[in-house]
């Protein structure tokens, strides 16, 4: 009887295989290829793939595969690369993307200076990537974000032009679909949910299922990115990157052994590592005589565009800060401008309960996205009413004189809280240890979206 039963199952399985073979050969039962072009993001001045991080998660949440989302990074100061280099490397990236996906064309989204990379300008004279017909022929759609105006479609490519309403009025690209993003500023126009809705509709012909960054808590979350010297966007070669799980309420590590560890090479890449959904992590770059600690909000879905922006040892913009054993220094960043002179729409960004956003540090015209916070003169006193000039003179940056007591090893937490326009009162919170500034750097990156805002409950 057992033999007969076995023979019966063997016959059934063989019959199923015979039935399935022609169906597979005819393509039936196979997963259809993804119907849209892969997307490449080209950042602007003092930018990186960080300005694509939240949009990439939105694209992924609406069905885009991981290998359909890319960023083209370069040195926007043009010390490391030339203008021609940026175009040549974009050629190579498009070759790579088309080979990896089997697609015939790519879609390109460019922000600010990135639109000059794509469209060119007259003063100073710089050719645009899309001005070369052979290059334009490989681009299916182009999204221009708060950048160059134009008298015709760039390279004849179908174009969506997004414009921040808080900017020069009347900007257009003739022949494009021109959209004004109401009550938004320059960087926000690249990262907002409203911008994503227009991008997705234009690239796919359909409205997205959601414009929120939807959580995906199925198992572990895959996280990867680059550790770079900024704004050159070259790898922090030779640095050791350790990733630690930390307690969200204290910022302290839950165990001594890191959850992942990488030696950073010239390309700056790290990961992917498996993160626990909803948990907090510390990324620490260990270099000779210095540890640079990076803190983000908890990961809620796969994220492959994490950027850890560092400076050369003893150099970079951060070298202008004052350092002392008893004080903590912070660099706080977010890819959305903070407003301090817009009344009820003002941003509240508090460090240990002290709001560092006001009309002096963050007027809307300043387009502030980064804060260098430290005790000016290391005198133990604070003065947050006026910005520190050396930092405030730089694009997108301000400086704030705030004394934050430190210890080595840390003996307390620094509590950072953020509430902003469009968040429906959502408070974003990051707690970090009070590392001493003499041998430790602290960078805090807030999401450019209120994490739970607009997510169905």
Protein backbone atom coordinates (compact mmCIF):
# COMPACT_ATOMS: atom_id res chain seq x y z
CA UNK A 1 0.00 0.00 0.00
CA UNK A 2 2.84 2.43 0.87
CA UNK A 3 4.50 1.65 -2.44
CA UNK A 4 1.29 2.34 -4.39
CA UNK A 5 0.72 5.64 -2.52
CA UNK A 6 4.27 6.70 -3.27
CA UNK A 7 3.87 5.84 -6.93
CA UNK A 8 0.60 7.78 -7.07
CA UNK A 9 2.25 10.98 -5.69
CA UNK A 10 5.16 10.52 -8.11
CA UNK A 11 2.77 10.38 -11.05
CA UNK A 12 0.87 13.46 -9.84
CA UNK A 13 4.05 15.49 -9.36
CA UNK A 14 5.34 14.45 -12.78
CA UNK A 15 2.03 15.45 -14.36
CA UNK A 16 2.14 18.87 -12.66
CA UNK A 17 5.68 19.47 -13.90
CA UNK A 18 4.66 18.56 -17.45
CA UNK A 19 1.72 21.01 -17.19
CA UNK A 20 3.83 23.75 -15.68
CA UNK A 21 6.69 23.58 -18.19
CA UNK A 22 4.84 24.96 -21.23
CA UNK A 23 3.12 27.56 -19.06
CA UNK A 24 6.51 28.87 -17.85
CA UNK A 25 7.85 28.73 -21.38
CA UNK A 26 4.92 30.84 -22.54
CA UNK A 27 5.61 33.31 -19.73
CA UNK A 28 2.44 32.40 -17.84
CA UNK A 29 2.83 32.44 -14.08
CA UNK A 30 5.98 34.54 -14.26
CA UNK A 31 6.16 37.83 -12.45
CA UNK A 32 5.65 40.68 -14.90
CA UNK A 33 8.58 43.10 -15.27
CA UNK A 34 8.25 46.37 -13.37
CA UNK A 35 6.33 48.69 -15.71
CA UNK A 36 8.13 51.98 -14.96
CA UNK A 37 11.60 53.36 -15.51
CA UNK A 38 14.25 53.29 -12.78
CA UNK A 39 14.77 56.63 -11.02
CA UNK A 40 18.03 58.54 -10.50
CA UNK A 41 18.20 61.56 -8.15
CA UNK A 42 20.76 64.34 -8.80
CA UNK A 43 21.28 66.55 -5.74
CA UNK A 44 22.03 70.25 -5.47
CA UNK A 45 24.68 72.45 -3.87
CA UNK A 46 25.88 71.14 -0.49
CA UNK A 47 23.62 68.17 -1.10
CA UNK A 48 23.71 64.40 -1.26
CA UNK A 49 21.39 61.41 -1.52
CA UNK A 50 20.07 62.50 1.89
CA UNK A 51 17.55 64.72 0.04
CA UNK A 52 16.25 61.57 -1.69
CA UNK A 53 16.07 59.35 1.41
CA UNK A 54 12.42 59.90 2.31
CA UNK A 55 11.25 60.00 -1.32
CA UNK A 56 13.01 56.68 -2.00
CA UNK A 57 11.09 55.14 0.90
CA UNK A 58 7.85 56.55 -0.51
CA UNK A 59 8.64 55.11 -3.96
CA UNK A 60 9.43 51.75 -2.35
CA UNK A 61 6.19 51.86 -0.37
CA UNK A 62 4.37 52.32 -3.66
CA UNK A 63 5.95 49.31 -5.29
CA UNK A 64 9.27 50.45 -6.76
CA UNK A 65 11.92 47.71 -6.38
CA UNK A 66 15.14 48.52 -4.53
CA UNK A 67 17.23 48.22 -7.70
CA UNK A 68 15.08 50.88 -9.42
CA UNK A 69 16.13 53.71 -7.04
CA UNK A 70 19.51 55.46 -7.31
CA UNK A 71 21.31 58.72 -6.53
CA UNK A 72 24.09 60.43 -8.47
CA UNK A 73 26.42 62.13 -5.96
CA UNK A 74 29.30 64.47 -6.69
CA UNK A 75 31.37 67.27 -5.15
CA UNK A 76 29.22 70.37 -5.56
CA UNK A 77 32.25 72.58 -4.74
CA UNK A 78 34.00 71.09 -7.81
CA UNK A 79 37.31 70.55 -6.05
CA UNK A 80 37.26 66.74 -6.40
CA UNK A 81 35.52 66.60 -9.80
CA UNK A 82 35.01 68.78 -12.86
CA UNK A 83 31.73 69.56 -14.58
CA UNK A 84 32.61 67.07 -17.33
CA UNK A 85 33.41 64.41 -14.70
CA UNK A 86 29.92 64.75 -13.23
CA UNK A 87 28.37 64.10 -16.65
CA UNK A 88 30.70 61.20 -17.44
CA UNK A 89 29.94 59.52 -14.13
CA UNK A 90 26.22 59.97 -14.77
CA UNK A 91 26.73 58.19 -18.11
CA UNK A 92 28.34 55.30 -16.25
CA UNK A 93 25.55 55.18 -13.65
CA UNK A 94 22.89 55.06 -16.35
CA UNK A 95 24.79 52.22 -18.05
CA UNK A 96 24.84 50.37 -14.72
CA UNK A 97 21.14 50.97 -14.03
CA UNK A 98 19.96 49.89 -17.47
CA UNK A 99 22.08 46.74 -17.28
CA UNK A 100 20.78 45.89 -13.79
CA UNK A 101 17.11 46.43 -14.59
CA UNK A 102 16.79 45.63 -18.28
CA UNK A 103 15.02 48.97 -18.74
CA UNK A 104 15.46 51.00 -21.92
CA UNK A 105 15.41 54.43 -20.25
CA UNK A 106 15.80 56.05 -16.84
CA UNK A 107 13.81 58.83 -15.20
CA UNK A 108 15.88 61.61 -13.63
CA UNK A 109 14.92 63.90 -10.75
CA UNK A 110 17.21 66.89 -10.12
CA UNK A 111 17.18 69.51 -7.37
CA UNK A 112 18.66 73.02 -7.35
CA UNK A 113 22.25 72.84 -8.71
CA UNK A 114 21.34 69.39 -9.98
CA UNK A 115 19.00 71.07 -12.48
CA UNK A 116 21.99 73.03 -13.79
CA UNK A 117 23.85 69.73 -14.16
CA UNK A 118 20.94 68.52 -16.30
CA UNK A 119 19.96 71.71 -18.15
CA UNK A 120 23.08 73.88 -18.15
CA UNK A 121 23.28 77.66 -17.76
CA UNK A 122 24.75 80.68 -19.49
CA UNK A 123 26.56 82.41 -16.60
CA UNK A 124 29.00 80.87 -15.98
CA UNK A 125 28.70 78.89 -19.20
CA UNK A 126 28.05 75.26 -18.33
CA UNK A 127 26.62 72.66 -20.71
CA UNK A 128 23.63 70.63 -19.55
CA UNK A 129 23.53 66.86 -19.65
CA UNK A 130 20.24 66.86 -21.55
CA UNK A 131 21.63 69.19 -24.21
CA UNK A 132 23.41 66.19 -25.74
CA UNK A 133 20.83 64.35 -27.88
CA UNK A 134 22.38 60.91 -27.29
CA UNK A 135 22.13 61.44 -23.55
CA UNK A 136 18.62 62.87 -23.62
CA UNK A 137 17.48 59.85 -25.66
CA UNK A 138 18.11 57.60 -22.65
CA UNK A 139 15.93 59.70 -20.31
CA UNK A 140 12.22 58.93 -20.30
CA UNK A 141 11.05 61.63 -17.90
CA UNK A 142 12.74 64.56 -16.18
CA UNK A 143 11.64 66.15 -12.89
CA UNK A 144 13.15 69.59 -12.20
CA UNK A 145 12.88 70.66 -8.55
CA UNK A 146 13.09 74.39 -7.72
CA UNK A 147 15.97 75.03 -10.09
CA UNK A 148 16.62 76.27 -13.60
CA UNK A 149 14.03 77.99 -15.75
CA UNK A 150 13.85 77.09 -19.42
CA UNK A 151 12.41 78.29 -22.70
CA UNK A 152 11.83 74.74 -23.98
CA UNK A 153 11.69 71.15 -22.79
CA UNK A 154 15.25 70.12 -21.78
CA UNK A 155 16.49 67.90 -24.59
CA UNK A 156 12.89 67.43 -25.64
CA UNK A 157 12.34 65.15 -22.62
CA UNK A 158 8.85 65.23 -21.00
CA UNK A 159 9.34 67.40 -17.91
CA UNK A 160 7.67 68.13 -14.58
CA UNK A 161 8.88 71.36 -12.96
CA UNK A 162 8.19 71.76 -9.24
CA UNK A 163 8.56 75.23 -7.74
CA UNK A 164 8.58 76.25 -4.07
CA UNK A 165 6.05 79.01 -3.50
CA UNK A 166 8.52 80.79 -1.19
CA UNK A 167 10.88 81.71 -4.00
CA UNK A 168 11.11 83.90 -7.07
CA UNK A 169 7.66 84.23 -8.61
CA UNK A 170 6.92 83.42 -12.23
CA UNK A 171 9.51 80.71 -12.81
CA UNK A 172 8.66 78.17 -15.49
CA UNK A 173 10.04 75.68 -17.97
CA UNK A 174 8.15 76.28 -21.20
CA UNK A 175 6.39 73.13 -22.38
CA UNK A 176 6.72 71.40 -19.02
CA UNK A 177 4.06 70.61 -16.46
CA UNK A 178 4.75 73.43 -14.00
CA UNK A 179 3.50 72.99 -10.41
CA UNK A 180 3.81 75.42 -7.52
CA UNK A 181 4.16 73.74 -4.12
CA UNK A 182 2.22 76.03 -1.82
CA UNK A 183 3.79 77.19 1.46
CA UNK A 184 7.07 75.36 0.82
CA UNK A 185 10.69 76.41 0.65
CA UNK A 186 13.63 75.26 -1.46
CA UNK A 187 14.80 72.02 0.19
CA UNK A 188 11.32 71.07 1.37
CA UNK A 189 10.26 71.08 -2.30
CA UNK A 190 12.56 68.10 -2.88
CA UNK A 191 11.57 66.06 0.17
CA UNK A 192 7.90 66.76 0.93
CA UNK A 193 4.98 64.37 0.62
CA UNK A 194 3.21 66.86 -1.67
CA UNK A 195 6.19 66.87 -4.05
CA UNK A 196 6.21 63.07 -4.07
CA UNK A 197 2.55 62.94 -5.08
CA UNK A 198 3.25 65.05 -8.16
CA UNK A 199 6.45 63.11 -8.99
CA UNK A 200 4.78 59.73 -8.78
CA UNK A 201 1.76 60.80 -10.84
CA UNK A 202 4.03 62.24 -13.54
CA UNK A 203 6.38 59.24 -13.73
CA UNK A 204 3.74 56.50 -13.61
CA UNK A 205 0.52 58.08 -14.83
CA UNK A 206 -1.23 57.06 -11.59
CA UNK A 207 -1.77 58.57 -8.18
CA UNK A 208 0.28 56.90 -5.41
CA UNK A 209 -1.40 54.59 -2.93
CA UNK A 210 0.00 56.83 -0.19
CA UNK A 211 2.28 59.86 0.03
CA UNK A 212 3.29 58.93 3.58
CA UNK A 213 6.43 56.98 4.45
CA UNK A 214 4.54 53.82 5.31
CA UNK A 215 5.99 51.48 7.97
CA UNK A 216 6.96 47.96 6.99
CA UNK A 217 7.54 45.90 10.10
CA UNK A 218 7.74 42.48 8.43
CA UNK A 219 10.81 40.97 10.06
CA UNK A 220 14.06 42.93 10.16
CA UNK A 221 14.65 46.17 8.27
CA UNK A 222 17.50 46.44 5.77
CA UNK A 223 19.64 49.58 6.21
CA UNK A 224 22.59 50.72 4.13
CA UNK A 225 24.26 53.93 3.00
CA UNK A 226 27.53 55.83 2.77
CA UNK A 227 29.93 57.47 5.24
CA UNK A 228 31.41 60.46 3.41
CA UNK A 229 33.52 63.57 3.73
CA UNK A 230 31.03 66.35 3.09
CA UNK A 231 30.29 68.15 0.79
CA UNK A 232 32.79 66.34 -1.43
CA UNK A 233 30.78 63.10 -1.03
CA UNK A 234 33.89 60.91 -1.02
CA UNK A 235 34.25 57.96 1.35
CA UNK A 236 35.81 58.35 4.82
CA UNK A 237 38.41 55.81 3.77
CA UNK A 238 39.97 53.78 6.60
CA UNK A 239 37.41 54.74 9.24
CA UNK A 240 35.79 52.02 11.34
CA UNK A 241 31.99 52.25 11.45
CA UNK A 242 30.23 50.64 14.39
CA UNK A 243 26.44 50.48 14.66
CA UNK A 244 24.98 50.11 18.16
CA UNK A 245 21.41 49.61 19.27
CA UNK A 246 20.60 52.22 21.92
CA UNK A 247 17.80 52.97 24.35
CA UNK A 248 15.51 55.60 22.90
CA UNK A 249 14.95 57.28 26.25
CA UNK A 250 18.64 57.67 27.15
CA UNK A 251 20.74 57.24 24.00
CA UNK A 252 22.88 54.71 25.88
CA UNK A 253 24.00 51.49 24.20
CA UNK A 254 22.05 48.39 25.15
CA UNK A 255 25.20 46.21 24.97
CA UNK A 256 28.90 46.67 24.40
CA UNK A 257 29.06 44.59 21.24
CA UNK A 258 28.00 46.48 18.09
CA UNK A 259 25.08 45.21 16.04
CA UNK A 260 27.24 45.63 12.92
CA UNK A 261 30.74 46.81 12.05
CA UNK A 262 32.36 47.91 8.79
CA UNK A 263 35.70 49.23 7.59
CA UNK A 264 34.92 52.11 5.26
CA UNK A 265 36.64 52.02 1.87
CA UNK A 266 37.05 54.72 -0.78
CA UNK A 267 33.45 54.43 -1.98
CA UNK A 268 32.10 55.06 1.53
CA UNK A 269 29.54 52.26 1.31
CA UNK A 270 28.32 50.29 4.31
CA UNK A 271 25.63 47.67 4.87
CA UNK A 272 23.12 46.40 4.46
CA UNK A 273 22.64 45.49 8.11
CA UNK A 274 19.54 44.10 9.75
CA UNK A 275 17.91 46.67 12.01
CA UNK A 276 15.07 45.98 14.39
CA UNK A 277 11.97 47.97 13.41
CA UNK A 278 11.18 50.90 15.66
CA UNK A 279 14.48 50.69 17.56
CA UNK A 280 17.06 53.47 17.96
CA UNK A 281 20.62 53.16 16.67
CA UNK A 282 23.91 55.00 17.03
CA UNK A 283 26.36 55.06 14.12
CA UNK A 284 29.90 55.87 15.24
CA UNK A 285 32.82 56.57 12.91
CA UNK A 286 36.06 55.76 14.72
CA UNK A 287 39.14 57.56 13.46
CA UNK A 288 42.48 58.41 15.02
CA UNK A 289 41.82 60.47 18.15
CA UNK A 290 38.12 61.00 17.39
CA UNK A 291 34.75 59.28 17.52
CA UNK A 292 31.94 60.81 15.47
CA UNK A 293 28.51 59.74 16.74
CA UNK A 294 25.46 59.92 14.45
CA UNK A 295 21.87 59.60 15.69
CA UNK A 296 18.65 59.24 13.71
CA UNK A 297 15.03 58.52 14.44
CA UNK A 298 14.00 54.83 14.49
CA UNK A 299 13.82 53.03 11.16
CA UNK A 300 10.29 52.05 10.15
CA UNK A 301 11.05 50.44 6.77
CA UNK A 302 14.03 49.53 4.58
CA UNK A 303 16.32 52.54 4.09
CA UNK A 304 19.22 52.42 1.62
CA UNK A 305 20.12 56.11 1.43
CA UNK A 306 21.48 56.79 4.93
CA UNK A 307 24.23 59.41 4.77
CA UNK A 308 26.81 59.96 7.50
CA UNK A 309 28.38 63.34 6.70
CA UNK A 310 31.79 63.83 8.30
CA UNK A 311 34.73 66.22 7.85
CA UNK A 312 38.47 65.62 7.51
CA UNK A 313 40.13 65.28 10.91
CA UNK A 314 40.85 68.80 12.18
CA UNK A 315 39.16 70.40 9.17
CA UNK A 316 35.83 71.21 7.62
CA UNK A 317 33.21 73.72 8.72
CA UNK A 318 32.99 72.12 12.18
CA UNK A 319 36.60 73.11 12.94
CA UNK A 320 35.27 76.65 13.59
CA UNK A 321 33.47 75.45 16.73
CA UNK A 322 35.03 75.87 20.18
CA UNK A 323 35.88 72.64 22.02
CA UNK A 324 36.28 71.88 25.72
CA UNK A 325 36.13 68.82 27.98
CA UNK A 326 33.07 70.08 29.83
CA UNK A 327 30.86 70.92 26.85
CA UNK A 328 28.99 68.94 24.20
CA UNK A 329 28.84 70.22 20.63
CA UNK A 330 26.03 69.30 18.26
CA UNK A 331 25.38 69.42 14.53
CA UNK A 332 21.62 69.09 13.97
CA UNK A 333 20.34 68.61 10.43
CA UNK A 334 17.07 68.01 8.62
CA UNK A 335 16.22 68.08 4.90
CA UNK A 336 13.48 70.66 5.41
CA UNK A 337 13.91 74.31 6.33
CA UNK A 338 13.20 75.55 9.85
CA UNK A 339 11.21 78.80 10.02
CA UNK A 340 11.59 81.27 12.88
CA UNK A 341 9.72 84.35 11.65
CA UNK A 342 6.42 82.87 10.43
CA UNK A 343 4.27 83.10 13.55
CA UNK A 344 2.16 79.99 14.17
CA UNK A 345 4.08 78.15 11.43
CA UNK A 346 7.39 78.52 13.24
CA UNK A 347 9.52 75.48 13.91
CA UNK A 348 10.23 74.57 17.53
CA UNK A 349 13.58 72.80 17.91
CA UNK A 350 14.54 72.50 21.57
CA UNK A 351 17.83 71.27 23.03
CA UNK A 352 17.33 70.36 26.69
CA UNK A 353 14.21 72.51 26.63
CA UNK A 354 15.80 75.58 25.01
CA UNK A 355 14.30 76.51 21.63
CA UNK A 356 17.10 77.45 19.21
CA UNK A 357 14.81 78.57 16.35
CA UNK A 358 13.90 82.26 16.19
CA UNK A 359 13.64 85.11 13.73
CA UNK A 360 17.37 85.80 13.95
CA UNK A 361 18.67 82.25 13.54
CA UNK A 362 16.03 81.03 11.07
CA UNK A 363 14.34 83.72 8.98
CA UNK A 364 12.48 82.03 6.16
CA UNK A 365 14.77 83.61 3.55
CA UNK A 366 17.81 81.94 5.18
CA UNK A 367 16.50 78.43 4.31
CA UNK A 368 18.14 76.95 7.43
CA UNK A 369 18.49 73.16 7.44
CA UNK A 370 21.54 72.71 9.71
CA UNK A 371 22.52 74.03 13.15
CA UNK A 372 26.00 74.10 14.65
CA UNK A 373 25.31 74.26 18.38
CA UNK A 374 28.11 74.82 20.91
CA UNK A 375 29.32 77.04 23.74
CA UNK A 376 30.89 80.01 21.97
CA UNK A 377 34.11 80.92 23.80
CA UNK A 378 33.63 77.95 26.16
CA UNK A 379 32.51 80.37 28.88
CA UNK A 380 29.64 78.30 30.29
CA UNK A 381 27.07 80.88 29.15
CA UNK A 382 24.46 80.74 26.41
CA UNK A 383 23.07 83.33 24.02
CA UNK A 384 20.60 81.81 21.56
CA UNK A 385 18.93 85.07 20.53
CA UNK A 386 21.46 85.87 17.81
CA UNK A 387 23.27 83.52 15.41
CA UNK A 388 27.02 82.91 15.40
CA UNK A 389 28.17 84.87 12.32
CA UNK A 390 30.82 82.47 10.98
CA UNK A 391 28.17 79.77 10.51
CA UNK A 392 25.20 81.99 9.70
CA UNK A 393 27.09 83.35 6.68
CA UNK A 394 27.01 79.90 5.05
CA UNK A 395 24.16 78.63 2.87
CA UNK A 396 21.55 76.53 4.71
CA UNK A 397 23.51 76.76 8.01
CA UNK A 398 23.29 78.74 11.22
CA UNK A 399 25.23 78.69 14.48
CA UNK A 400 23.81 78.85 18.02
CA UNK A 401 25.64 79.65 21.27
CA UNK A 402 24.30 77.11 23.78
CA UNK A 403 26.20 75.59 26.68
CA UNK A 404 25.53 71.85 27.03
CA UNK A 405 27.34 70.23 29.99
CA UNK A 406 29.39 67.14 29.03
CA UNK A 407 31.33 64.34 30.68
CA UNK A 408 33.73 61.62 29.56
CA UNK A 409 32.30 59.03 29.78
CA UNK A 410 28.83 60.59 29.37
CA UNK A 411 26.80 60.95 32.56
CA UNK A 412 23.57 62.42 31.19
CA UNK A 413 21.43 62.70 28.09
CA UNK A 414 20.84 65.58 25.69
CA UNK A 415 17.17 65.71 24.75
CA UNK A 416 16.26 67.11 21.34
CA UNK A 417 12.61 67.72 20.46
CA UNK A 418 11.15 68.99 17.20
CA UNK A 419 7.63 70.20 16.36
CA UNK A 420 6.87 71.76 13.01
CA UNK A 421 4.33 72.91 10.45
CA UNK A 422 2.38 70.14 8.80
CA UNK A 423 2.98 67.68 11.63
CA UNK A 424 -0.40 68.01 13.35
CA UNK A 425 1.37 68.46 16.67
CA UNK A 426 3.60 65.39 16.28
CA UNK A 427 6.74 65.67 18.41
CA UNK A 428 9.92 64.13 17.04
CA UNK A 429 12.36 63.19 19.82
CA UNK A 430 15.99 62.07 19.79
CA UNK A 431 17.98 61.52 22.99
CA UNK A 432 21.79 61.32 22.85
CA UNK A 433 24.56 61.00 25.45
CA UNK A 434 26.43 64.15 26.50
CA UNK A 435 29.76 63.26 24.87
CA UNK A 436 32.68 65.60 25.54
CA UNK A 437 33.54 67.73 22.51
CA UNK A 438 37.33 67.38 22.73
CA UNK A 439 37.39 63.86 21.32
CA UNK A 440 33.79 63.26 20.26
CA UNK A 441 31.58 64.76 17.54
CA UNK A 442 27.78 64.47 17.68
CA UNK A 443 25.55 64.70 14.61
CA UNK A 444 21.76 64.40 14.87
CA UNK A 445 19.58 63.88 11.78
CA UNK A 446 15.84 64.41 12.11
CA UNK A 447 13.43 63.02 9.53
CA UNK A 448 12.06 65.63 7.12
CA UNK A 449 8.59 64.19 7.81
CA UNK A 450 6.66 63.72 11.04
CA UNK A 451 7.00 59.95 11.33
CA UNK A 452 3.46 59.06 12.30
CA UNK A 453 1.72 61.90 10.50
CA UNK A 454 -0.90 60.80 7.94
CA UNK A 455 -0.27 57.09 8.58
CA UNK A 456 -3.54 55.17 8.93
CA UNK A 457 -4.13 54.04 12.51
